[in-house]
N, C-alpha and C. Protein backbone atom coordinates (compact mmCIF):
# COMPACT_ATOMS: atom_id res chain seq x y z
N UNK A 1 56.09 92.21 33.95
CA UNK A 1 55.11 92.16 34.92
C UNK A 1 53.97 91.59 34.54
N UNK A 2 53.83 90.24 34.94
CA UNK A 2 52.55 89.53 34.49
C UNK A 2 51.82 88.92 35.39
N UNK A 3 51.88 89.36 36.87
CA UNK A 3 51.15 88.76 37.74
C UNK A 3 50.24 89.85 38.32
N UNK A 4 49.15 89.44 39.10
CA UNK A 4 48.23 90.15 39.87
C UNK A 4 47.99 89.61 41.18
N UNK A 5 47.80 90.39 42.14
CA UNK A 5 47.50 89.75 43.33
C UNK A 5 46.49 90.65 44.22
N UNK A 6 45.56 90.04 44.88
CA UNK A 6 44.62 90.91 45.74
C UNK A 6 45.51 91.19 47.06
N UNK A 7 45.04 92.53 47.45
CA UNK A 7 45.86 92.93 48.55
C UNK A 7 45.91 92.26 49.68
N UNK A 8 47.10 91.81 50.09
CA UNK A 8 47.49 91.04 51.24
C UNK A 8 47.43 89.71 51.07
N UNK A 9 47.26 89.15 50.01
CA UNK A 9 47.20 87.71 49.67
C UNK A 9 48.63 87.23 49.16
N UNK A 10 48.84 86.01 49.48
CA UNK A 10 50.09 85.39 49.22
C UNK A 10 50.16 85.02 47.82
N UNK A 11 49.23 84.39 47.21
CA UNK A 11 49.33 83.64 45.94
C UNK A 11 48.94 84.82 44.85
N UNK A 12 49.85 84.86 43.77
CA UNK A 12 49.57 85.83 42.68
C UNK A 12 48.94 84.98 41.64
N UNK A 13 48.21 85.66 40.73
CA UNK A 13 47.57 85.02 39.65
C UNK A 13 48.25 85.63 38.27
N UNK A 14 48.20 84.81 37.19
CA UNK A 14 48.66 85.39 35.83
C UNK A 14 47.87 86.61 35.52
N UNK A 15 48.43 87.63 34.89
CA UNK A 15 47.77 88.70 34.46
C UNK A 15 47.52 88.51 33.04
N UNK A 16 47.29 89.54 32.25
CA UNK A 16 46.87 89.63 30.96
C UNK A 16 48.14 89.32 30.03
N UNK A 17 47.85 88.59 28.87
CA UNK A 17 48.94 88.11 28.03
C UNK A 17 49.07 89.34 27.05
N UNK A 18 50.18 90.02 27.23
CA UNK A 18 50.69 91.13 26.33
C UNK A 18 50.05 92.57 27.02
N UNK A 19 50.71 93.18 27.87
CA UNK A 19 50.23 94.45 28.37
C UNK A 19 50.53 95.61 27.42
N UNK A 20 51.17 95.45 26.16
CA UNK A 20 51.25 96.44 25.19
C UNK A 20 50.05 96.26 24.16
N UNK A 21 49.18 95.48 24.51
CA UNK A 21 48.10 95.69 23.59
C UNK A 21 46.99 96.04 24.45
N UNK A 22 46.38 97.26 24.12
CA UNK A 22 45.22 97.88 24.65
C UNK A 22 43.92 97.11 24.55
N UNK A 23 43.31 96.78 25.84
CA UNK A 23 41.97 96.03 25.66
C UNK A 23 40.96 97.13 26.11
N UNK A 24 39.79 96.91 25.77
CA UNK A 24 38.72 97.77 26.14
C UNK A 24 38.41 97.45 27.69
N UNK A 25 37.81 98.29 28.22
CA UNK A 25 37.47 98.24 29.61
C UNK A 25 36.73 96.76 29.81
N UNK A 26 37.21 95.97 30.84
CA UNK A 26 36.39 94.82 31.29
C UNK A 26 35.94 93.91 29.94
N UNK A 27 36.80 93.76 29.02
CA UNK A 27 36.51 92.90 27.93
C UNK A 27 37.17 91.54 27.93
N UNK A 28 37.78 91.16 29.34
CA UNK A 28 38.10 90.02 29.62
C UNK A 28 39.38 89.62 28.47
N UNK A 29 40.43 90.44 28.82
CA UNK A 29 41.73 89.99 28.06
C UNK A 29 42.17 88.62 28.34
N UNK A 30 42.84 88.00 27.49
CA UNK A 30 43.39 86.74 27.53
C UNK A 30 44.48 86.72 28.62
N UNK A 31 44.40 85.57 29.33
CA UNK A 31 45.30 85.48 30.50
C UNK A 31 46.80 84.73 30.07
N UNK A 32 47.80 85.05 30.69
CA UNK A 32 49.01 84.40 30.33
C UNK A 32 48.94 82.98 30.59
N UNK A 33 49.25 82.27 29.71
CA UNK A 33 49.13 80.73 30.04
C UNK A 33 49.83 80.13 31.18
N UNK A 34 49.27 79.22 31.87
CA UNK A 34 49.85 78.62 32.88
C UNK A 34 49.75 77.12 32.78
N UNK A 35 50.82 76.38 33.16
CA UNK A 35 50.93 74.88 32.86
C UNK A 35 51.10 74.11 34.10
N UNK A 36 50.63 72.97 34.27
CA UNK A 36 50.69 71.94 35.35
C UNK A 36 51.95 71.20 35.17
N UNK A 37 52.20 70.27 36.29
CA UNK A 37 53.41 69.58 36.45
C UNK A 37 53.72 68.75 35.26
N UNK A 38 52.69 68.28 34.59
CA UNK A 38 52.91 67.40 33.45
C UNK A 38 52.87 68.12 32.06
N UNK A 39 52.86 69.37 32.04
CA UNK A 39 52.97 70.30 30.86
C UNK A 39 51.53 70.61 30.33
N UNK A 40 50.51 70.36 31.18
CA UNK A 40 49.13 70.62 30.59
C UNK A 40 48.84 72.07 30.88
N UNK A 41 48.00 72.79 29.98
CA UNK A 41 47.60 74.12 30.30
C UNK A 41 46.62 74.27 31.19
N UNK A 42 46.72 75.09 32.02
CA UNK A 42 45.58 75.09 33.11
C UNK A 42 44.74 76.43 32.77
N UNK A 43 43.82 76.28 31.92
CA UNK A 43 43.10 77.39 31.44
C UNK A 43 42.11 77.84 32.39
N UNK A 44 41.89 79.31 32.24
CA UNK A 44 40.96 79.97 33.22
C UNK A 44 39.56 79.33 33.14
N UNK A 45 38.99 79.17 34.36
CA UNK A 45 37.58 78.77 34.38
C UNK A 45 37.59 77.14 34.36
N UNK A 46 38.73 76.35 34.21
CA UNK A 46 38.63 75.05 34.05
C UNK A 46 38.82 74.42 35.49
N UNK A 47 38.60 73.09 35.49
CA UNK A 47 38.91 72.26 37.09
C UNK A 47 40.13 72.79 37.56
N UNK A 48 41.13 72.78 36.73
CA UNK A 48 42.55 73.02 37.47
C UNK A 48 43.19 74.56 37.27
N UNK A 49 42.34 75.32 36.50
CA UNK A 49 42.97 76.75 36.21
C UNK A 49 42.37 77.63 37.29
N UNK A 50 42.35 78.85 37.01
CA UNK A 50 41.99 80.01 37.94
C UNK A 50 40.47 79.82 37.88
N UNK A 51 39.89 79.75 39.12
CA UNK A 51 38.53 79.86 39.47
C UNK A 51 38.15 81.07 40.02
N UNK A 52 36.82 81.59 39.74
CA UNK A 52 36.35 82.94 40.34
C UNK A 52 35.22 82.40 41.20
N UNK A 53 35.44 82.95 42.48
CA UNK A 53 34.37 82.55 43.43
C UNK A 53 34.10 83.80 44.39
N UNK A 54 32.78 83.98 44.72
CA UNK A 54 32.37 84.70 45.70
C UNK A 54 32.73 84.65 47.03
N UNK A 55 33.27 85.53 47.94
CA UNK A 55 33.48 85.36 49.31
C UNK A 55 32.29 84.81 50.05
N UNK A 56 31.11 85.26 49.68
CA UNK A 56 29.91 84.77 50.19
C UNK A 56 29.50 83.32 49.93
N UNK A 57 30.19 82.68 48.98
CA UNK A 57 29.85 81.37 48.65
C UNK A 57 30.17 80.41 49.77
N UNK A 58 29.52 79.14 49.70
CA UNK A 58 29.56 78.25 50.67
C UNK A 58 31.12 77.68 50.88
N UNK A 59 31.54 77.55 52.24
CA UNK A 59 32.86 76.92 52.25
C UNK A 59 33.85 78.00 52.08
N UNK A 60 33.76 79.16 51.74
CA UNK A 60 34.96 80.04 51.68
C UNK A 60 35.29 80.78 52.96
N UNK A 61 34.26 81.25 53.67
CA UNK A 61 34.60 81.68 55.04
C UNK A 61 34.43 80.49 55.85
N UNK A 62 35.44 80.31 56.79
CA UNK A 62 35.38 79.25 57.76
C UNK A 62 34.97 79.51 59.15
N UNK A 63 35.21 78.70 59.96
CA UNK A 63 34.84 78.91 61.36
C UNK A 63 35.57 80.09 62.14
N UNK A 64 36.50 80.49 61.60
CA UNK A 64 37.56 81.75 62.14
C UNK A 64 36.85 83.09 61.45
N UNK A 65 35.80 82.84 60.56
CA UNK A 65 35.22 84.07 60.08
C UNK A 65 36.11 84.76 58.93
N UNK A 66 37.22 83.88 58.40
CA UNK A 66 37.90 84.29 57.31
C UNK A 66 38.13 83.29 56.24
N UNK A 67 38.76 83.70 55.23
CA UNK A 67 39.01 82.65 54.05
C UNK A 67 40.47 82.16 54.06
N UNK A 68 41.15 82.46 55.31
CA UNK A 68 42.53 81.85 55.50
C UNK A 68 42.72 80.20 55.03
N UNK A 69 41.86 79.42 55.66
CA UNK A 69 42.13 77.91 55.24
C UNK A 69 41.82 77.76 53.74
N UNK A 70 40.62 78.38 53.45
CA UNK A 70 39.99 78.09 51.97
C UNK A 70 41.22 78.52 50.85
N UNK A 71 42.03 79.70 51.10
CA UNK A 71 42.85 80.27 50.00
C UNK A 71 44.26 79.26 50.09
N UNK A 72 44.53 78.64 51.33
CA UNK A 72 45.61 77.77 51.35
C UNK A 72 45.47 76.62 50.48
N UNK A 73 44.10 76.04 50.86
CA UNK A 73 43.78 74.82 50.02
C UNK A 73 43.53 75.03 48.65
N UNK A 74 43.03 76.33 48.13
CA UNK A 74 42.64 76.53 46.74
C UNK A 74 43.53 77.70 46.28
N UNK A 75 44.82 77.69 46.14
CA UNK A 75 45.64 78.88 45.56
C UNK A 75 45.09 79.45 44.34
N UNK A 76 44.52 78.71 43.34
CA UNK A 76 44.18 79.21 42.24
C UNK A 76 42.77 79.93 42.16
N UNK A 77 42.11 80.08 43.38
CA UNK A 77 40.78 80.44 43.33
C UNK A 77 41.01 81.98 43.61
N UNK A 78 40.30 82.76 42.69
CA UNK A 78 40.10 84.23 42.93
C UNK A 78 39.05 84.63 43.63
N UNK A 79 39.13 85.16 44.83
CA UNK A 79 37.93 85.32 45.61
C UNK A 79 37.48 86.90 45.36
N UNK A 80 36.08 87.06 44.66
CA UNK A 80 35.45 88.28 44.32
C UNK A 80 34.59 88.67 45.58
N UNK A 81 34.37 89.99 45.69
CA UNK A 81 33.52 90.44 46.84
C UNK A 81 32.61 91.62 46.15
N UNK A 82 31.29 91.38 46.09
CA UNK A 82 30.47 92.19 45.30
C UNK A 82 29.93 93.34 46.40
N UNK A 83 30.30 93.22 47.58
CA UNK A 83 29.82 94.09 48.63
C UNK A 83 30.77 95.48 48.58
N UNK A 84 30.31 96.53 49.25
CA UNK A 84 30.96 97.80 49.38
C UNK A 84 32.26 97.44 50.11
N UNK A 85 32.37 96.69 51.08
CA UNK A 85 33.37 96.43 51.96
C UNK A 85 34.63 95.89 51.20
N UNK A 86 34.38 94.98 50.26
CA UNK A 86 35.43 94.75 49.40
C UNK A 86 36.55 94.07 49.62
N UNK A 87 36.63 92.99 50.49
CA UNK A 87 37.86 92.33 51.02
C UNK A 87 37.64 90.89 50.56
N UNK A 88 38.86 90.29 50.29
CA UNK A 88 38.72 88.84 49.92
C UNK A 88 39.03 87.97 51.11
N UNK A 89 39.56 88.51 52.11
CA UNK A 89 40.01 87.86 53.39
C UNK A 89 38.82 87.63 54.26
N UNK A 90 37.85 88.40 54.39
CA UNK A 90 36.77 88.55 55.31
C UNK A 90 35.62 89.09 54.69
N UNK A 91 34.34 88.46 55.19
CA UNK A 91 33.26 89.09 54.62
C UNK A 91 32.58 90.22 55.60
N UNK A 92 33.33 90.35 56.81
CA UNK A 92 32.92 91.53 57.71
C UNK A 92 34.16 92.30 58.16
N UNK A 93 34.08 93.69 58.19
CA UNK A 93 35.23 94.51 58.60
C UNK A 93 35.64 94.12 59.88
N UNK A 94 34.92 93.36 60.85
CA UNK A 94 35.36 93.08 62.17
C UNK A 94 36.48 91.98 62.23
N UNK A 95 36.45 91.19 61.03
CA UNK A 95 37.67 90.20 61.03
C UNK A 95 38.72 90.50 60.10
N UNK A 96 38.78 91.88 59.35
CA UNK A 96 39.70 92.10 58.51
C UNK A 96 40.98 92.08 59.21
N UNK A 97 42.24 91.77 58.26
CA UNK A 97 43.70 91.51 58.89
C UNK A 97 44.48 92.57 58.17
N UNK A 98 44.72 93.56 58.80
CA UNK A 98 45.58 94.56 58.10
C UNK A 98 47.11 94.36 58.25
N UNK A 99 47.58 93.19 58.65
CA UNK A 99 48.99 92.89 58.88
C UNK A 99 49.46 91.80 57.93
N UNK A 100 48.67 91.42 56.92
CA UNK A 100 48.98 90.20 55.93
C UNK A 100 50.36 90.44 55.37
N UNK A 101 50.61 91.68 54.83
CA UNK A 101 51.74 92.06 54.34
C UNK A 101 52.74 92.78 54.98
N UNK A 102 52.28 92.85 56.35
CA UNK A 102 53.47 93.60 57.38
C UNK A 102 53.68 94.85 57.10
N UNK A 103 53.13 95.61 56.12
CA UNK A 103 53.34 96.86 55.84
C UNK A 103 54.71 97.43 55.96
N UNK A 104 55.72 96.55 55.20
CA UNK A 104 56.94 96.69 55.17
C UNK A 104 57.89 96.60 56.32
N UNK A 105 57.26 96.15 57.40
CA UNK A 105 58.09 96.15 58.52
C UNK A 105 58.95 94.95 58.46
N UNK A 106 58.48 93.72 58.11
CA UNK A 106 59.10 92.51 57.82
C UNK A 106 58.45 91.81 56.80
N UNK A 107 58.95 90.67 56.21
CA UNK A 107 58.35 89.93 55.07
C UNK A 107 57.48 88.91 55.81
N UNK A 108 56.32 88.76 55.54
CA UNK A 108 55.38 87.64 56.20
C UNK A 108 55.36 86.52 55.27
N UNK A 109 54.65 85.55 55.88
CA UNK A 109 54.40 84.38 55.00
C UNK A 109 53.39 84.66 53.89
N UNK A 110 52.60 85.77 53.88
CA UNK A 110 51.52 86.16 53.14
C UNK A 110 52.16 87.01 51.76
N UNK A 111 53.49 87.26 51.97
CA UNK A 111 54.04 88.11 50.87
C UNK A 111 54.14 87.39 49.61
N UNK A 112 53.53 87.81 48.42
CA UNK A 112 53.82 87.18 47.20
C UNK A 112 55.13 87.08 46.52
N UNK A 113 56.07 87.97 46.96
CA UNK A 113 57.30 88.19 46.40
C UNK A 113 58.23 87.05 46.68
N UNK A 114 59.23 86.81 45.78
CA UNK A 114 60.23 85.65 46.15
C UNK A 114 61.04 85.82 47.12
N UNK A 115 61.77 84.87 47.74
CA UNK A 115 62.79 85.14 48.83
C UNK A 115 63.68 86.12 48.58
N UNK A 116 63.95 86.92 49.56
CA UNK A 116 64.88 88.08 49.42
C UNK A 116 64.11 89.47 48.87
N UNK A 117 62.75 89.20 48.57
CA UNK A 117 62.10 90.41 47.93
C UNK A 117 60.90 90.50 48.65
N UNK A 118 60.36 91.89 48.71
CA UNK A 118 58.96 91.87 49.50
C UNK A 118 58.23 92.97 48.79
N UNK A 119 56.83 93.02 49.21
CA UNK A 119 56.00 94.21 48.66
C UNK A 119 56.50 95.46 49.27
N UNK A 120 56.66 96.53 48.52
CA UNK A 120 57.15 97.75 49.05
C UNK A 120 56.09 98.43 49.88
N UNK A 121 56.46 99.35 50.75
CA UNK A 121 55.67 100.27 51.39
C UNK A 121 55.25 101.41 50.34
N UNK A 122 54.32 102.30 50.71
CA UNK A 122 53.97 103.33 49.77
C UNK A 122 55.04 104.27 49.76
N UNK A 123 55.80 104.62 50.75
CA UNK A 123 56.98 105.53 50.57
C UNK A 123 58.04 104.99 49.67
N UNK A 124 58.34 103.71 49.72
CA UNK A 124 59.17 103.05 48.88
C UNK A 124 58.73 102.93 47.43
N UNK A 125 57.42 102.45 47.38
CA UNK A 125 56.74 102.46 45.96
C UNK A 125 56.93 103.79 45.24
N UNK A 126 56.69 104.85 45.96
CA UNK A 126 56.76 106.17 45.00
C UNK A 126 58.26 106.68 44.90
N UNK A 127 59.14 106.11 45.37
CA UNK A 127 60.41 106.48 45.29
C UNK A 127 60.64 107.98 45.58
N UNK A 128 59.68 108.67 46.40
CA UNK A 128 59.61 109.80 46.84
C UNK A 128 59.37 110.94 45.67
N UNK A 129 59.36 110.33 44.36
CA UNK A 129 59.20 111.47 43.35
C UNK A 129 58.56 110.85 42.40
N UNK A 130 57.59 109.93 42.33
CA UNK A 130 56.84 109.41 41.23
C UNK A 130 55.90 110.27 40.63
N UNK A 131 56.44 111.21 39.90
CA UNK A 131 55.71 112.27 39.27
C UNK A 131 55.84 112.19 37.80
N UNK A 132 55.07 113.04 37.01
CA UNK A 132 55.10 112.68 35.56
C UNK A 132 56.46 113.24 34.99
N UNK A 133 57.01 114.16 35.74
CA UNK A 133 58.38 114.55 35.11
C UNK A 133 59.34 113.53 35.13
N UNK A 134 59.41 112.61 36.08
CA UNK A 134 60.41 111.53 36.14
C UNK A 134 59.76 110.19 35.85
N UNK A 135 58.50 110.09 35.64
CA UNK A 135 57.77 108.90 35.32
C UNK A 135 57.04 109.15 33.84
N UNK A 136 57.79 109.10 32.87
CA UNK A 136 57.40 109.44 31.50
C UNK A 136 56.82 108.25 30.80
N UNK A 137 56.02 108.60 29.81
CA UNK A 137 55.46 107.74 28.81
C UNK A 137 56.42 107.41 27.49
N UNK A 138 57.48 108.18 27.51
CA UNK A 138 58.61 107.71 26.62
C UNK A 138 59.98 108.20 27.01
N UNK A 139 60.94 107.84 26.43
CA UNK A 139 62.55 108.36 26.58
C UNK A 139 63.08 108.23 25.16
N UNK A 140 64.42 108.87 25.17
CA UNK A 140 65.09 108.82 23.96
C UNK A 140 65.50 107.42 23.56
N UNK A 141 65.42 106.53 24.50
CA UNK A 141 65.77 105.03 24.24
C UNK A 141 64.58 104.26 24.00
N UNK A 142 63.50 104.50 24.44
CA UNK A 142 62.40 103.64 24.32
C UNK A 142 61.08 104.48 24.18
N UNK A 143 60.22 104.26 23.17
CA UNK A 143 58.93 104.86 23.08
C UNK A 143 57.91 103.88 23.49
N UNK A 144 57.24 104.01 24.65
CA UNK A 144 56.19 102.96 25.06
C UNK A 144 54.96 103.63 25.18
N UNK A 145 53.99 103.08 24.44
CA UNK A 145 52.59 103.71 24.47
C UNK A 145 51.76 103.14 25.68
N UNK A 146 52.27 101.89 26.08
CA UNK A 146 51.26 101.30 27.06
C UNK A 146 52.11 100.92 28.48
N UNK A 147 52.91 102.05 28.71
CA UNK A 147 53.30 101.92 30.03
C UNK A 147 54.21 103.35 30.31
N UNK A 148 54.91 103.40 31.55
CA UNK A 148 55.68 104.56 31.89
C UNK A 148 57.16 104.16 32.24
N UNK A 149 58.02 105.11 32.04
CA UNK A 149 59.26 104.86 32.45
C UNK A 149 59.76 105.56 33.46
N UNK A 150 60.51 104.90 34.66
CA UNK A 150 61.04 105.88 35.71
C UNK A 150 62.24 106.26 35.55
N UNK A 151 62.59 107.44 35.45
CA UNK A 151 64.06 107.91 35.33
C UNK A 151 64.79 107.09 34.06
N UNK A 152 64.03 106.81 33.08
CA UNK A 152 64.81 106.15 31.88
C UNK A 152 65.54 104.79 32.28
N UNK A 153 64.99 104.13 33.53
CA UNK A 153 65.84 102.88 33.86
C UNK A 153 64.78 101.76 34.21
N UNK A 154 63.45 101.97 34.49
CA UNK A 154 62.45 100.76 34.96
C UNK A 154 61.16 101.10 34.19
N UNK A 155 60.69 100.20 33.59
CA UNK A 155 59.36 100.20 32.85
C UNK A 155 58.50 99.70 33.69
N UNK A 156 57.40 100.25 33.94
CA UNK A 156 56.18 99.91 34.56
C UNK A 156 55.04 99.80 33.46
N UNK A 157 54.72 98.64 33.07
CA UNK A 157 53.68 98.41 31.99
C UNK A 157 52.26 98.63 32.44
N UNK A 158 51.34 98.99 31.71
CA UNK A 158 49.91 99.39 32.15
C UNK A 158 49.19 97.95 32.07
N UNK A 159 49.32 97.28 33.29
CA UNK A 159 48.77 96.02 33.22
C UNK A 159 47.48 95.67 33.58
N UNK A 160 46.68 96.88 33.89
CA UNK A 160 45.25 96.67 34.15
C UNK A 160 45.19 96.01 35.52
N UNK A 161 43.96 95.18 35.67
CA UNK A 161 43.48 94.73 36.95
C UNK A 161 42.66 93.58 36.75
N UNK A 162 42.29 92.90 37.86
CA UNK A 162 41.25 91.96 38.00
C UNK A 162 40.10 92.61 38.72
N UNK A 163 38.87 92.65 38.24
CA UNK A 163 37.80 93.24 38.96
C UNK A 163 37.47 92.72 40.32
N UNK A 164 37.13 93.32 41.28
CA UNK A 164 36.90 92.81 42.63
C UNK A 164 35.66 92.29 42.74
N UNK A 165 34.73 92.58 41.77
CA UNK A 165 33.35 91.98 41.88
C UNK A 165 33.04 90.79 40.86
N UNK A 166 33.85 90.85 39.86
CA UNK A 166 33.61 89.63 38.68
C UNK A 166 34.91 88.83 38.42
N UNK A 167 36.18 89.42 38.91
CA UNK A 167 37.44 88.64 38.67
C UNK A 167 37.83 89.02 37.19
N UNK A 168 37.11 89.56 36.35
CA UNK A 168 37.28 89.95 34.93
C UNK A 168 38.59 90.90 34.85
N UNK A 169 39.48 90.61 33.76
CA UNK A 169 40.70 91.53 33.55
C UNK A 169 40.11 92.76 32.74
N UNK A 170 40.53 93.80 33.11
CA UNK A 170 40.24 95.22 32.56
C UNK A 170 41.09 96.06 32.57
N UNK A 171 40.93 97.15 31.43
CA UNK A 171 41.94 98.13 31.12
C UNK A 171 43.26 97.84 31.01
N UNK A 172 43.62 96.54 30.24
CA UNK A 172 44.98 96.05 30.14
C UNK A 172 45.53 97.04 29.09
N UNK A 173 46.76 97.49 29.23
CA UNK A 173 47.52 98.35 28.37
C UNK A 173 46.83 99.80 28.26
N UNK A 174 45.93 100.28 29.22
CA UNK A 174 45.54 101.57 29.19
C UNK A 174 45.81 102.20 30.72
N UNK A 175 45.90 101.24 31.75
CA UNK A 175 46.02 101.72 33.19
C UNK A 175 46.95 100.88 33.72
N UNK A 176 47.68 101.52 34.81
CA UNK A 176 48.68 100.71 35.53
C UNK A 176 48.19 100.85 37.07
N UNK A 177 48.11 99.62 37.81
CA UNK A 177 47.89 99.75 39.28
C UNK A 177 48.95 98.85 39.94
N UNK A 178 49.66 99.23 40.99
CA UNK A 178 50.60 98.60 41.73
C UNK A 178 50.47 98.75 43.24
N UNK A 179 50.03 97.61 43.97
CA UNK A 179 49.94 97.54 45.29
C UNK A 179 51.28 97.85 46.07
N UNK A 180 50.91 98.54 47.13
CA UNK A 180 51.94 98.67 48.37
C UNK A 180 51.41 98.03 49.35
N UNK A 181 52.42 97.85 50.49
CA UNK A 181 51.93 97.03 51.58
C UNK A 181 51.28 97.94 52.64
N UNK A 182 51.09 99.20 52.38
CA UNK A 182 50.75 100.24 53.53
C UNK A 182 49.27 100.21 53.55
N UNK A 183 48.66 100.03 54.61
CA UNK A 183 47.39 100.01 54.94
C UNK A 183 46.82 101.52 54.75
N UNK A 184 45.51 101.50 54.29
CA UNK A 184 44.71 102.72 54.40
C UNK A 184 43.33 102.54 54.64
N UNK A 185 42.85 102.82 55.70
CA UNK A 185 41.36 102.64 56.08
C UNK A 185 41.19 101.06 55.93
N UNK A 186 40.15 100.69 55.23
CA UNK A 186 39.86 99.27 54.99
C UNK A 186 40.55 98.78 53.74
N UNK A 187 41.48 99.47 53.09
CA UNK A 187 42.11 98.90 51.95
C UNK A 187 43.59 98.95 52.02
N UNK A 188 44.08 99.38 50.93
CA UNK A 188 45.68 99.70 50.88
C UNK A 188 45.96 100.64 49.85
N UNK A 189 47.20 101.37 49.95
CA UNK A 189 47.58 102.36 49.05
C UNK A 189 48.20 101.63 47.76
N UNK A 190 48.21 102.47 46.72
CA UNK A 190 48.82 101.88 45.51
C UNK A 190 49.29 102.91 44.68
N UNK A 191 50.23 102.68 43.55
CA UNK A 191 50.57 103.59 42.57
C UNK A 191 49.44 103.32 41.26
N UNK A 192 48.79 104.48 40.93
CA UNK A 192 47.94 104.41 39.83
C UNK A 192 48.48 105.30 38.84
N UNK A 193 48.36 104.69 37.48
CA UNK A 193 48.64 105.80 36.55
C UNK A 193 48.02 105.51 35.06
N UNK A 194 47.88 106.44 34.30
CA UNK A 194 47.54 106.09 32.74
C UNK A 194 48.23 106.91 31.78
N UNK A 195 47.80 107.12 30.60
CA UNK A 195 48.61 107.82 29.72
C UNK A 195 48.85 109.24 30.00
N UNK A 196 48.10 109.93 30.76
CA UNK A 196 48.22 111.25 31.04
C UNK A 196 48.30 111.63 32.45
N UNK A 197 48.23 110.75 33.49
CA UNK A 197 47.99 111.24 34.79
C UNK A 197 48.62 110.15 35.79
N UNK A 198 49.32 110.57 36.70
CA UNK A 198 50.04 109.60 37.80
C UNK A 198 49.37 110.01 39.19
N UNK A 199 49.15 109.13 39.91
CA UNK A 199 48.56 109.35 41.28
C UNK A 199 49.46 108.30 42.17
N UNK A 200 50.40 108.77 42.72
CA UNK A 200 51.53 107.90 43.53
C UNK A 200 50.82 107.27 44.94
N UNK A 201 49.95 107.70 45.32
CA UNK A 201 49.41 107.39 46.55
C UNK A 201 47.94 107.04 46.60
N UNK A 202 47.42 106.33 45.63
CA UNK A 202 45.82 106.12 45.40
C UNK A 202 45.45 105.24 46.49
N UNK A 203 44.32 104.81 46.57
CA UNK A 203 43.71 103.89 47.61
C UNK A 203 42.57 103.05 46.99
N UNK A 204 42.66 101.77 47.43
CA UNK A 204 41.44 100.86 46.89
C UNK A 204 41.37 99.76 47.93
N UNK A 205 40.25 99.10 47.67
CA UNK A 205 39.83 97.96 48.57
C UNK A 205 40.78 96.76 48.02
N UNK A 206 40.86 95.69 48.95
CA UNK A 206 41.94 94.73 48.76
C UNK A 206 41.40 93.63 47.84
N UNK A 207 40.21 93.52 47.55
CA UNK A 207 39.90 92.38 46.68
C UNK A 207 40.12 92.70 45.28
N UNK A 208 40.59 93.87 44.96
CA UNK A 208 41.04 94.12 43.54
C UNK A 208 42.32 93.21 43.37
N UNK A 209 42.37 92.78 42.10
CA UNK A 209 43.68 92.06 41.79
C UNK A 209 44.56 92.91 41.00
N UNK A 210 45.62 93.59 41.62
CA UNK A 210 46.40 94.51 40.89
C UNK A 210 47.97 93.97 41.06
N UNK A 211 48.80 94.51 40.19
CA UNK A 211 50.10 94.17 40.11
C UNK A 211 50.97 94.46 41.49
N UNK A 212 52.11 93.75 41.39
CA UNK A 212 52.82 93.99 42.61
C UNK A 212 54.38 94.23 42.02
N UNK A 213 55.16 95.30 42.25
CA UNK A 213 56.54 95.41 42.01
C UNK A 213 57.38 95.33 43.21
N UNK A 214 57.94 94.07 43.29
CA UNK A 214 58.85 93.54 44.50
C UNK A 214 60.00 94.56 44.67
N UNK A 215 60.45 94.97 45.91
CA UNK A 215 61.77 95.52 46.25
C UNK A 215 62.56 94.54 47.00
N UNK A 216 63.87 94.73 46.97
CA UNK A 216 64.83 93.73 47.65
C UNK A 216 64.91 94.07 49.13
N UNK A 217 64.91 93.09 49.82
CA UNK A 217 64.83 93.12 51.28
C UNK A 217 66.16 93.75 51.76
């Protein structure tokens, strides 16, 4: 799991390079390398790499009061939002779109998962029993310090996140955050866990860059 995505957005971004290596909070962990069509590395902050831009910056919000057109034209731009509202898609709650990932009803054009797969709903994400008893930090077959294992068959690394204010990678190797497609207030539900705690149905605003664990349609 090396990709992160703002809640409801189509384009995913590379996550941290090595989620088994614990990074300090917001210390800007190294990003997984990305390469262009001719094999050139697209480094973060470069002209062709991931750019961090605030939702309030000139040209981000269009005449429709959303960033819809901007993100299509700039798929590698990570839109930050320093306001409490915390959405990458709009700068006002009045224009927020709660159906970008369709809440599991069907796969939309904004779903970041590959063909035949989609972002799970909150009930699918939790498997109905995502508790510490079946979501352990180790198993007889595998001892994992930087992730959790679901029923000894699926590993969920602690990939951290991209901060919704700064776009900086943080808590890599010490916290796991996985989006669901389920709407909650002005944000969305997610699976959150760390070394000693699991919260199957947490909530956060959608400008956060969190991991996505796709399920088959």
